[in-house]
């Protein structure tokens, strides 16, 4: 990114850097994308949806659907964190 290009708000994502790092690690992201507070999974999806759903189910014990993937990504991270293991 060019230094003089303003970025969208990202304070919610900054507050969840550890959760985001965990998510990107388990989903095998080659490069951690910049994610603004308004972004959802579909704004940067780099993984086949079926594989993503399976990986998240195994790691977090949470079953994803399209509605969850459309929420702001920082909210999805909170959702996964608070529900990990609950749906097994």
Protein backbone atom coordinates (compact mmCIF):
# COMPACT_ATOMS: atom_id res chain seq x y z
CA UNK A 1 0.00 0.00 0.00
CA UNK A 2 1.10 3.52 -0.67
CA UNK A 3 1.73 5.54 2.51
CA UNK A 4 -0.38 8.52 1.41
CA UNK A 5 -3.50 6.46 0.71
CA UNK A 6 -5.93 6.68 3.64
CA UNK A 7 -7.22 3.39 5.02
CA UNK A 8 -10.77 2.69 6.07
CA UNK A 9 -11.51 2.51 9.79
CA UNK A 10 -9.92 -0.54 11.37
CA UNK A 11 -9.94 0.04 15.15
CA UNK A 12 -12.31 -2.92 15.76
CA UNK A 13 -10.01 -5.18 13.76
CA UNK A 14 -6.93 -3.80 15.52
CA UNK A 15 -8.51 -4.72 18.85
CA UNK A 16 -8.87 -8.32 17.62
CA UNK A 17 -5.43 -8.78 16.07
CA UNK A 18 -4.79 -12.03 17.98
CA UNK A 19 -8.15 -13.50 16.95
CA UNK A 20 -7.52 -12.48 13.34
CA UNK A 21 -4.03 -14.02 13.42
CA UNK A 22 -5.51 -17.28 14.71
CA UNK A 23 -8.19 -17.29 11.98
CA UNK A 24 -5.72 -16.57 9.19
CA UNK A 25 -3.36 -19.26 10.50
CA UNK A 26 -5.97 -22.02 10.63
CA UNK A 27 -7.32 -21.08 7.20
CA UNK A 28 -3.84 -21.08 5.66
CA UNK A 29 -3.82 -17.49 4.43
CA UNK A 30 -0.64 -16.95 2.44
CA UNK A 31 -0.68 -13.25 3.30
CA UNK A 32 -2.64 -11.59 6.07
CA UNK A 33 -5.02 -9.21 4.28
CA UNK A 34 -5.83 -5.70 5.44
CA UNK A 35 -9.37 -5.90 6.82
CA UNK A 36 -11.35 -2.76 7.54
CA UNK A 37 -14.09 -2.69 10.17
CA UNK A 38 -16.76 -2.82 7.46
CA UNK A 39 -15.29 -5.80 5.59
CA UNK A 40 -16.80 -9.26 5.70
CA UNK A 41 -15.41 -12.65 4.65
CA UNK A 42 -16.57 -12.20 1.05
CA UNK A 43 -14.52 -9.01 0.69
CA UNK A 44 -11.26 -10.96 0.86
CA UNK A 45 -12.21 -14.62 0.65
CA UNK A 46 -9.22 -16.72 -0.35
CA UNK A 47 -10.58 -20.12 0.58
CA UNK A 48 -13.23 -22.35 -0.92
CA UNK A 49 -16.40 -21.94 1.19
CA UNK A 50 -16.79 -25.68 1.81
CA UNK A 51 -13.19 -25.99 3.03
CA UNK A 52 -13.54 -22.86 5.17
CA UNK A 53 -16.68 -24.23 6.83
CA UNK A 54 -14.93 -27.53 7.55
CA UNK A 55 -11.75 -25.92 8.93
CA UNK A 56 -13.76 -23.59 11.18
CA UNK A 57 -15.93 -26.49 12.37
CA UNK A 58 -12.84 -28.52 13.28
CA UNK A 59 -10.92 -25.68 14.95
CA UNK A 60 -13.68 -23.69 16.66
CA UNK A 61 -16.50 -26.25 16.76
CA UNK A 62 -18.75 -23.69 15.06
CA UNK A 63 -20.80 -24.25 11.94
CA UNK A 64 -20.73 -21.27 9.58
CA UNK A 65 -23.39 -20.22 7.12
CA UNK A 66 -23.73 -17.41 4.57
CA UNK A 67 -25.37 -15.05 7.09
CA UNK A 68 -22.41 -15.36 9.46
CA UNK A 69 -19.92 -14.88 6.64
CA UNK A 70 -21.66 -11.63 5.65
CA UNK A 71 -21.37 -10.00 9.08
CA UNK A 72 -18.47 -7.61 9.64
CA UNK A 73 -15.37 -9.76 10.01
CA UNK A 74 -14.53 -8.42 13.48
CA UNK A 75 -17.99 -9.52 14.63
CA UNK A 76 -17.43 -12.94 13.08
CA UNK A 77 -14.18 -13.24 15.04
CA UNK A 78 -16.05 -12.40 18.26
CA UNK A 79 -18.77 -14.90 17.35
CA UNK A 80 -16.24 -17.67 16.78
CA UNK A 81 -14.34 -16.82 19.95
CA UNK A 82 -17.39 -16.79 22.23
CA UNK A 83 -18.92 -19.94 20.76
CA UNK A 84 -15.85 -22.08 20.28
CA UNK A 85 -16.68 -25.65 21.22
CA UNK A 86 -20.38 -24.93 21.80
CA UNK A 87 -21.78 -26.64 18.66
CA UNK A 88 -19.78 -29.88 18.72
